[in-house]
PDB file of N, CA and C in Angstrom:
ATOM      1  N   MET A   1     -23.237   3.916   3.665  1.00  0.00           N
ATOM      2  CA  MET A   1     -21.896   3.948   4.228  1.00  0.00           C
ATOM      3  C   MET A   1     -21.244   2.582   4.037  1.00  0.00           C
ATOM      4  N   ARG A   2     -19.974   2.614   3.660  1.00  0.00           N
ATOM      5  CA  ARG A   2     -19.237   1.393   3.421  1.00  0.00           C
ATOM      6  C   ARG A   2     -18.899   0.676   4.725  1.00  0.00           C
ATOM      7  N   LYS A   3     -19.025  -0.644   4.725  1.00  0.00           N
ATOM      8  CA  LYS A   3     -18.685  -1.439   5.902  1.00  0.00           C
ATOM      9  C   LYS A   3     -17.163  -1.496   6.056  1.00  0.00           C
ATOM     10  N   LYS A   4     -16.675  -1.264   7.274  1.00  0.00           N
ATOM     11  CA  LYS A   4     -15.237  -1.310   7.525  1.00  0.00           C
ATOM     12  C   LYS A   4     -14.774  -2.759   7.560  1.00  0.00           C
ATOM     13  N   GLU A   5     -13.618  -3.008   6.988  1.00  0.00           N
ATOM     14  CA  GLU A   5     -13.026  -4.333   7.026  1.00  0.00           C
ATOM     15  C   GLU A   5     -11.513  -4.216   7.161  1.00  0.00           C
ATOM     16  N   LEU A   6     -10.889  -5.298   7.579  1.00  0.00           N
ATOM     17  CA  LEU A   6      -9.449  -5.315   7.773  1.00  0.00           C
ATOM     18  C   LEU A   6      -8.749  -5.277   6.419  1.00  0.00           C
ATOM     19  N   LYS A   7      -7.867  -4.313   6.248  1.00  0.00           N
ATOM     20  CA  LYS A   7      -7.133  -4.128   4.994  1.00  0.00           C
ATOM     21  C   LYS A   7      -5.639  -4.063   5.272  1.00  0.00           C
ATOM     22  N   LEU A   8      -4.864  -4.321   4.249  1.00  0.00           N
ATOM     23  CA  LEU A   8      -3.418  -4.162   4.306  1.00  0.00           C
ATOM     24  C   LEU A   8      -3.089  -2.751   3.854  1.00  0.00           C
ATOM     25  N   VAL A   9      -2.324  -2.026   4.645  1.00  0.00           N
ATOM     26  CA  VAL A   9      -1.931  -0.661   4.310  1.00  0.00           C
ATOM     27  C   VAL A   9      -0.403  -0.614   4.270  1.00  0.00           C
ATOM     28  N   VAL A  10       0.132  -0.322   3.094  1.00  0.00           N
ATOM     29  CA  VAL A  10       1.579  -0.245   2.900  1.00  0.00           C
ATOM     30  C   VAL A  10       1.979   1.221   2.883  1.00  0.00           C
ATOM     31  N   THR A  11       2.889   1.602   3.771  1.00  0.00           N
ATOM     32  CA  THR A  11       3.355   2.989   3.824  1.00  0.00           C
ATOM     33  C   THR A  11       4.739   3.091   3.189  1.00  0.00           C
ATOM     34  N   PHE A  12       5.085   4.308   2.773  1.00  0.00           N
ATOM     35  CA  PHE A  12       6.329   4.552   2.046  1.00  0.00           C
ATOM     36  C   PHE A  12       7.069   5.745   2.624  1.00  0.00           C
ATOM     37  N   HIS A  13       8.391   5.755   2.448  1.00  0.00           N
ATOM     38  CA  HIS A  13       9.209   6.885   2.886  1.00  0.00           C
ATOM     39  C   HIS A  13       9.029   8.074   1.946  1.00  0.00           C
ATOM     40  N   THR A  14       8.838   7.779   0.647  1.00  0.00           N
ATOM     41  CA  THR A  14       8.774   8.863  -0.337  1.00  0.00           C
ATOM     42  C   THR A  14       7.526   8.756  -1.213  1.00  0.00           C
ATOM     43  N   THR A  15       7.106   9.884  -1.726  1.00  0.00           N
ATOM     44  CA  THR A  15       5.978   9.915  -2.658  1.00  0.00           C
ATOM     45  C   THR A  15       6.332   9.169  -3.938  1.00  0.00           C
ATOM     46  N   ALA A  16       7.595   9.225  -4.348  1.00  0.00           N
ATOM     47  CA  ALA A  16       8.027   8.522  -5.560  1.00  0.00           C
ATOM     48  C   ALA A  16       7.785   7.019  -5.429  1.00  0.00           C
ATOM     49  N   ASP A  17       8.066   6.449  -4.260  1.00  0.00           N
ATOM     50  CA  ASP A  17       7.822   5.017  -4.050  1.00  0.00           C
ATOM     51  C   ASP A  17       6.322   4.713  -4.073  1.00  0.00           C
ATOM     52  N   ALA A  18       5.518   5.580  -3.490  1.00  0.00           N
ATOM     53  CA  ALA A  18       4.065   5.383  -3.500  1.00  0.00           C
ATOM     54  C   ALA A  18       3.531   5.405  -4.939  1.00  0.00           C
ATOM     55  N   MET A  19       4.019   6.336  -5.730  1.00  0.00           N
ATOM     56  CA  MET A  19       3.576   6.444  -7.123  1.00  0.00           C
ATOM     57  C   MET A  19       4.077   5.246  -7.947  1.00  0.00           C
ATOM     58  N   ALA A  20       5.282   4.781  -7.667  1.00  0.00           N
ATOM     59  CA  ALA A  20       5.822   3.604  -8.355  1.00  0.00           C
ATOM     60  C   ALA A  20       4.992   2.371  -8.016  1.00  0.00           C
ATOM     61  N   MET A  21       4.533   2.288  -6.773  1.00  0.00           N
ATOM     62  CA  MET A  21       3.682   1.172  -6.356  1.00  0.00           C
ATOM     63  C   MET A  21       2.370   1.189  -7.119  1.00  0.00           C
ATOM     64  N   GLU A  22       1.774   2.364  -7.247  1.00  0.00           N
ATOM     65  CA  GLU A  22       0.522   2.470  -7.997  1.00  0.00           C
ATOM     66  C   GLU A  22       0.717   2.013  -9.441  1.00  0.00           C
ATOM     67  N   LYS A  23       1.785   2.462 -10.054  1.00  0.00           N
ATOM     68  CA  LYS A  23       2.069   2.094 -11.448  1.00  0.00           C
ATOM     69  C   LYS A  23       2.290   0.590 -11.575  1.00  0.00           C
ATOM     70  N   ALA A  24       3.084   0.017 -10.674  1.00  0.00           N
ATOM     71  CA  ALA A  24       3.376  -1.415 -10.726  1.00  0.00           C
ATOM     72  C   ALA A  24       2.107  -2.245 -10.559  1.00  0.00           C
ATOM     73  N   CYS A  25       1.256  -1.850  -9.632  1.00  0.00           N
ATOM     74  CA  CYS A  25       0.022  -2.605  -9.391  1.00  0.00           C
ATOM     75  C   CYS A  25      -0.949  -2.478 -10.555  1.00  0.00           C
ATOM     76  N   ARG A  26      -1.029  -1.320 -11.154  1.00  0.00           N
ATOM     77  CA  ARG A  26      -1.910  -1.137 -12.314  1.00  0.00           C
ATOM     78  C   ARG A  26      -1.433  -2.006 -13.481  1.00  0.00           C
ATOM     79  N   GLU A  27      -0.117  -2.055 -13.697  1.00  0.00           N
ATOM     80  CA  GLU A  27       0.439  -2.830 -14.808  1.00  0.00           C
ATOM     81  C   GLU A  27       0.276  -4.329 -14.611  1.00  0.00           C
ATOM     82  N   THR A  28       0.295  -4.798 -13.371  1.00  0.00           N
ATOM     83  CA  THR A  28       0.215  -6.236 -13.097  1.00  0.00           C
ATOM     84  C   THR A  28      -1.173  -6.689 -12.653  1.00  0.00           C
ATOM     85  N   GLY A  29      -2.114  -5.765 -12.540  1.00  0.00           N
ATOM     86  CA  GLY A  29      -3.476  -6.120 -12.177  1.00  0.00           C
ATOM     87  C   GLY A  29      -3.691  -6.449 -10.708  1.00  0.00           C
ATOM     88  N   VAL A  30      -2.798  -5.965  -9.846  1.00  0.00           N
ATOM     89  CA  VAL A  30      -2.935  -6.188  -8.406  1.00  0.00           C
ATOM     90  C   VAL A  30      -3.974  -5.207  -7.867  1.00  0.00           C
ATOM     91  N   PRO A  31      -4.975  -5.707  -7.137  1.00  0.00           N
ATOM     92  CA  PRO A  31      -5.998  -4.800  -6.621  1.00  0.00           C
ATOM     93  C   PRO A  31      -5.468  -3.881  -5.520  1.00  0.00           C
ATOM     94  N   GLY A  32      -6.065  -2.723  -5.416  1.00  0.00           N
ATOM     95  CA  GLY A  32      -5.704  -1.765  -4.378  1.00  0.00           C
ATOM     96  C   GLY A  32      -5.775  -0.351  -4.918  1.00  0.00           C
ATOM     97  N   ARG A  33      -5.463   0.601  -4.018  1.00  0.00           N
ATOM     98  CA  ARG A  33      -5.498   2.013  -4.431  1.00  0.00           C
ATOM     99  C   ARG A  33      -4.652   2.839  -3.482  1.00  0.00           C
ATOM    100  N   LEU A  34      -4.228   4.000  -3.949  1.00  0.00           N
ATOM    101  CA  LEU A  34      -3.512   4.948  -3.093  1.00  0.00           C
ATOM    102  C   LEU A  34      -4.520   5.654  -2.192  1.00  0.00           C
ATOM    103  N   ILE A  35      -4.147   5.803  -0.933  1.00  0.00           N
ATOM    104  CA  ILE A  35      -4.993   6.503   0.029  1.00  0.00           C
ATOM    105  C   ILE A  35      -4.120   7.417   0.874  1.00  0.00           C
ATOM    106  N   PRO A  36      -4.714   8.413   1.520  1.00  0.00           N
ATOM    107  CA  PRO A  36      -3.943   9.170   2.519  1.00  0.00           C
ATOM    108  C   PRO A  36      -3.647   8.225   3.691  1.00  0.00           C
ATOM    109  N   VAL A  37      -2.499   8.375   4.308  1.00  0.00           N
ATOM    110  CA  VAL A  37      -2.147   7.512   5.437  1.00  0.00           C
ATOM    111  C   VAL A  37      -3.168   7.716   6.558  1.00  0.00           C
ATOM    112  N   PRO A  38      -3.759   6.625   7.059  1.00  0.00           N
ATOM    113  CA  PRO A  38      -4.713   6.763   8.172  1.00  0.00           C
ATOM    114  C   PRO A  38      -4.041   7.423   9.379  1.00  0.00           C
ATOM    115  N   ARG A  39      -4.799   8.198  10.126  1.00  0.00           N
ATOM    116  CA  ARG A  39      -4.200   8.965  11.223  1.00  0.00           C
ATOM    117  C   ARG A  39      -3.644   8.095  12.336  1.00  0.00           C
ATOM    118  N   GLU A  40      -4.064   6.812  12.415  1.00  0.00           N
ATOM    119  CA  GLU A  40      -3.514   5.910  13.427  1.00  0.00           C
ATOM    120  C   GLU A  40      -2.059   5.541  13.129  1.00  0.00           C
ATOM    121  N   ILE A  41      -1.660   5.769  11.893  1.00  0.00           N
ATOM    122  CA  ILE A  41      -0.321   5.401  11.437  1.00  0.00           C
ATOM    123  C   ILE A  41       0.472   6.669  11.154  1.00  0.00           C
ATOM    124  N   SER A  42       1.733   6.659  11.496  1.00  0.00           N
ATOM    125  CA  SER A  42       2.613   7.770  11.145  1.00  0.00           C
ATOM    126  C   SER A  42       3.506   7.291  10.008  1.00  0.00           C
ATOM    127  N   ALA A  43       3.555   8.057   8.924  1.00  0.00           N
ATOM    128  CA  ALA A  43       4.367   7.642   7.783  1.00  0.00           C
ATOM    129  C   ALA A  43       5.034   8.833   7.139  1.00  0.00           C
ATOM    130  N   GLY A  44       6.135   8.562   6.456  1.00  0.00           N
ATOM    131  CA  GLY A  44       6.963   9.592   5.861  1.00  0.00           C
ATOM    132  C   GLY A  44       6.293  10.471   4.829  1.00  0.00           C
ATOM    133  N   CYS A  45       5.655   9.888   3.810  1.00  0.00           N
ATOM    134  CA  CYS A  45       5.215  10.720   2.692  1.00  0.00           C
ATOM    135  C   CYS A  45       3.744  11.101   2.724  1.00  0.00           C
ATOM    136  N   GLY A  46       2.941  10.471   3.558  1.00  0.00           N
ATOM    137  CA  GLY A  46       1.530  10.815   3.631  1.00  0.00           C
ATOM    138  C   GLY A  46       0.632  10.007   2.710  1.00  0.00           C
ATOM    139  N   LEU A  47       1.221   9.171   1.839  1.00  0.00           N
ATOM    140  CA  LEU A  47       0.445   8.308   0.961  1.00  0.00           C
ATOM    141  C   LEU A  47       0.698   6.853   1.321  1.00  0.00           C
ATOM    142  N   ALA A  48      -0.312   6.018   1.114  1.00  0.00           N
ATOM    143  CA  ALA A  48      -0.185   4.591   1.393  1.00  0.00           C
ATOM    144  C   ALA A  48      -0.951   3.816   0.332  1.00  0.00           C
ATOM    145  N   TRP A  49      -0.594   2.539   0.172  1.00  0.00           N
ATOM    146  CA  TRP A  49      -1.304   1.653  -0.733  1.00  0.00           C
ATOM    147  C   TRP A  49      -2.208   0.769   0.100  1.00  0.00           C
ATOM    148  N   CYS A  50      -3.483   0.752  -0.210  1.00  0.00           N
ATOM    149  CA  CYS A  50      -4.470  -0.035   0.519  1.00  0.00           C
ATOM    150  C   CYS A  50      -4.902  -1.193  -0.377  1.00  0.00           C
ATOM    151  N   ALA A  51      -4.848  -2.423   0.174  1.00  0.00           N
ATOM    152  CA  ALA A  51      -5.188  -3.611  -0.600  1.00  0.00           C
ATOM    153  C   ALA A  51      -5.791  -4.671   0.316  1.00  0.00           C
ATOM    154  N   PRO A  52      -6.427  -5.682  -0.262  1.00  0.00           N
ATOM    155  CA  PRO A  52      -6.933  -6.791   0.547  1.00  0.00           C
ATOM    156  C   PRO A  52      -5.774  -7.516   1.242  1.00  0.00           C
ATOM    157  N   LEU A  53      -6.037  -8.023   2.449  1.00  0.00           N
ATOM    158  CA  LEU A  53      -4.995  -8.725   3.211  1.00  0.00           C
ATOM    159  C   LEU A  53      -4.380  -9.882   2.440  1.00  0.00           C
ATOM    160  N   ALA A  54      -5.174 -10.555   1.637  1.00  0.00           N
ATOM    161  CA  ALA A  54      -4.701 -11.723   0.897  1.00  0.00           C
ATOM    162  C   ALA A  54      -3.611 -11.377  -0.114  1.00  0.00           C
ATOM    163  N   GLN A  55      -3.420 -10.105  -0.416  1.00  0.00           N
ATOM    164  CA  GLN A  55      -2.431  -9.677  -1.407  1.00  0.00           C
ATOM    165  C   GLN A  55      -1.045  -9.405  -0.811  1.00  0.00           C
ATOM    166  N   ARG A  56      -0.863  -9.643   0.488  1.00  0.00           N
ATOM    167  CA  ARG A  56       0.404  -9.316   1.166  1.00  0.00           C
ATOM    168  C   ARG A  56       1.627  -9.881   0.434  1.00  0.00           C
ATOM    169  N   GLU A  57       1.646 -11.172   0.173  1.00  0.00           N
ATOM    170  CA  GLU A  57       2.817 -11.802  -0.460  1.00  0.00           C
ATOM    171  C   GLU A  57       3.007 -11.307  -1.891  1.00  0.00           C
ATOM    172  N   HIS A  58       1.910 -11.137  -2.605  1.00  0.00           N
ATOM    173  CA  HIS A  58       1.994 -10.654  -3.983  1.00  0.00           C
ATOM    174  C   HIS A  58       2.566  -9.231  -4.025  1.00  0.00           C
ATOM    175  N   LEU A  59       2.102  -8.378  -3.121  1.00  0.00           N
ATOM    176  CA  LEU A  59       2.606  -7.005  -3.057  1.00  0.00           C
ATOM    177  C   LEU A  59       4.082  -6.972  -2.682  1.00  0.00           C
ATOM    178  N   ALA A  60       4.470  -7.785  -1.703  1.00  0.00           N
ATOM    179  CA  ALA A  60       5.875  -7.824  -1.281  1.00  0.00           C
ATOM    180  C   ALA A  60       6.765  -8.256  -2.439  1.00  0.00           C
ATOM    181  N   GLY A  61       6.323  -9.240  -3.202  1.00  0.00           N
ATOM    182  CA  GLY A  61       7.082  -9.697  -4.358  1.00  0.00           C
ATOM    183  C   GLY A  61       7.192  -8.640  -5.441  1.00  0.00           C
ATOM    184  N   ALA A  62       6.083  -7.956  -5.707  1.00  0.00           N
ATOM    185  CA  ALA A  62       6.080  -6.900  -6.731  1.00  0.00           C
ATOM    186  C   ALA A  62       7.010  -5.753  -6.341  1.00  0.00           C
ATOM    187  N   MET A  63       7.013  -5.395  -5.048  1.00  0.00           N
ATOM    188  CA  MET A  63       7.894  -4.314  -4.593  1.00  0.00           C
ATOM    189  C   MET A  63       9.361  -4.719  -4.688  1.00  0.00           C
ATOM    190  N   ALA A  64       9.673  -5.944  -4.306  1.00  0.00           N
ATOM    191  CA  ALA A  64      11.057  -6.425  -4.377  1.00  0.00           C
ATOM    192  C   ALA A  64      11.534  -6.485  -5.828  1.00  0.00           C
ATOM    193  N   GLU A  65      10.658  -6.951  -6.701  1.00  0.00           N
ATOM    194  CA  GLU A  65      10.984  -7.084  -8.125  1.00  0.00           C
ATOM    195  C   GLU A  65      11.295  -5.734  -8.780  1.00  0.00           C
ATOM    196  N   ARG A  66      10.587  -4.695  -8.355  1.00  0.00           N
ATOM    197  CA  ARG A  66      10.745  -3.374  -8.970  1.00  0.00           C
ATOM    198  C   ARG A  66      11.593  -2.402  -8.147  1.00  0.00           C
ATOM    199  N   GLY A  67      12.105  -2.859  -7.017  1.00  0.00           N
ATOM    200  CA  GLY A  67      12.957  -2.001  -6.191  1.00  0.00           C
ATOM    201  C   GLY A  67      12.199  -0.897  -5.475  1.00  0.00           C
ATOM    202  N   ILE A  68      10.932  -1.145  -5.161  1.00  0.00           N
ATOM    203  CA  ILE A  68      10.122  -0.165  -4.437  1.00  0.00           C
ATOM    204  C   ILE A  68      10.340  -0.390  -2.951  1.00  0.00           C
ATOM    205  N   GLU A  69      10.732   0.667  -2.261  1.00  0.00           N
ATOM    206  CA  GLU A  69      11.028   0.567  -0.837  1.00  0.00           C
ATOM    207  C   GLU A  69       9.813   0.940  -0.006  1.00  0.00           C
ATOM    208  N   GLN A  70       9.378   0.009   0.829  1.00  0.00           N
ATOM    209  CA  GLN A  70       8.257   0.277   1.728  1.00  0.00           C
ATOM    210  C   GLN A  70       8.773   0.756   3.072  1.00  0.00           C
ATOM    211  N   GLU A  71       7.966   1.510   3.762  1.00  0.00           N
ATOM    212  CA  GLU A  71       8.289   1.894   5.131  1.00  0.00           C
ATOM    213  C   GLU A  71       7.813   0.798   6.075  1.00  0.00           C
ATOM    214  N   ASN A  72       6.541   0.367   5.886  1.00  0.00           N
ATOM    215  CA  ASN A  72       5.981  -0.663   6.749  1.00  0.00           C
ATOM    216  C   ASN A  72       4.713  -1.208   6.122  1.00  0.00           C
ATOM    217  N   MET A  73       4.243  -2.376   6.615  1.00  0.00           N
ATOM    218  CA  MET A  73       2.946  -2.930   6.239  1.00  0.00           C
ATOM    219  C   MET A  73       2.112  -3.007   7.511  1.00  0.00           C
ATOM    220  N   HIS A  74       0.892  -2.499   7.440  1.00  0.00           N
ATOM    221  CA  HIS A  74      -0.001  -2.460   8.599  1.00  0.00           C
ATOM    222  C   HIS A  74      -1.309  -3.160   8.242  1.00  0.00           C
ATOM    223  N   GLU A  75      -1.972  -3.684   9.250  1.00  0.00           N
ATOM    224  CA  GLU A  75      -3.330  -4.185   9.084  1.00  0.00           C
ATOM    225  C   GLU A  75      -4.244  -3.215   9.808  1.00  0.00           C
ATOM    226  N   CYS A  76      -5.180  -2.613   9.080  1.00  0.00           N
ATOM    227  CA  CYS A  76      -6.055  -1.580   9.640  1.00  0.00           C
ATOM    228  C   CYS A  76      -7.498  -1.817   9.245  1.00  0.00           C
ATOM    229  N   MET A  77      -8.403  -1.386  10.106  1.00  0.00           N
ATOM    230  CA  MET A  77      -9.821  -1.406   9.783  1.00  0.00           C
ATOM    231  C   MET A  77     -10.134  -0.154   8.954  1.00  0.00           C
ATOM    232  N   LEU A  78     -10.490  -0.350   7.719  1.00  0.00           N
ATOM    233  CA  LEU A  78     -10.827   0.769   6.826  1.00  0.00           C
ATOM    234  C   LEU A  78     -12.145   0.488   6.135  1.00  0.00           C
TER     235      LEU A  78
END
């Protein structure tokens, strides 16, 4: 079983934004993956981007650069 650790979870209003985030991160080599939104969080589209906490500023910059709209950023034990 994987050890739980604090992660950054970015939620989105739309599935299109979640998919755009995945594409942007793959193209720029930003670590992370799409996950179902954890049940502790309520989010619009049901998908979220999970990444290491240290990537917060990099992710925010990538989203701003590409016009990806986030709903919120959460810190969760995953």
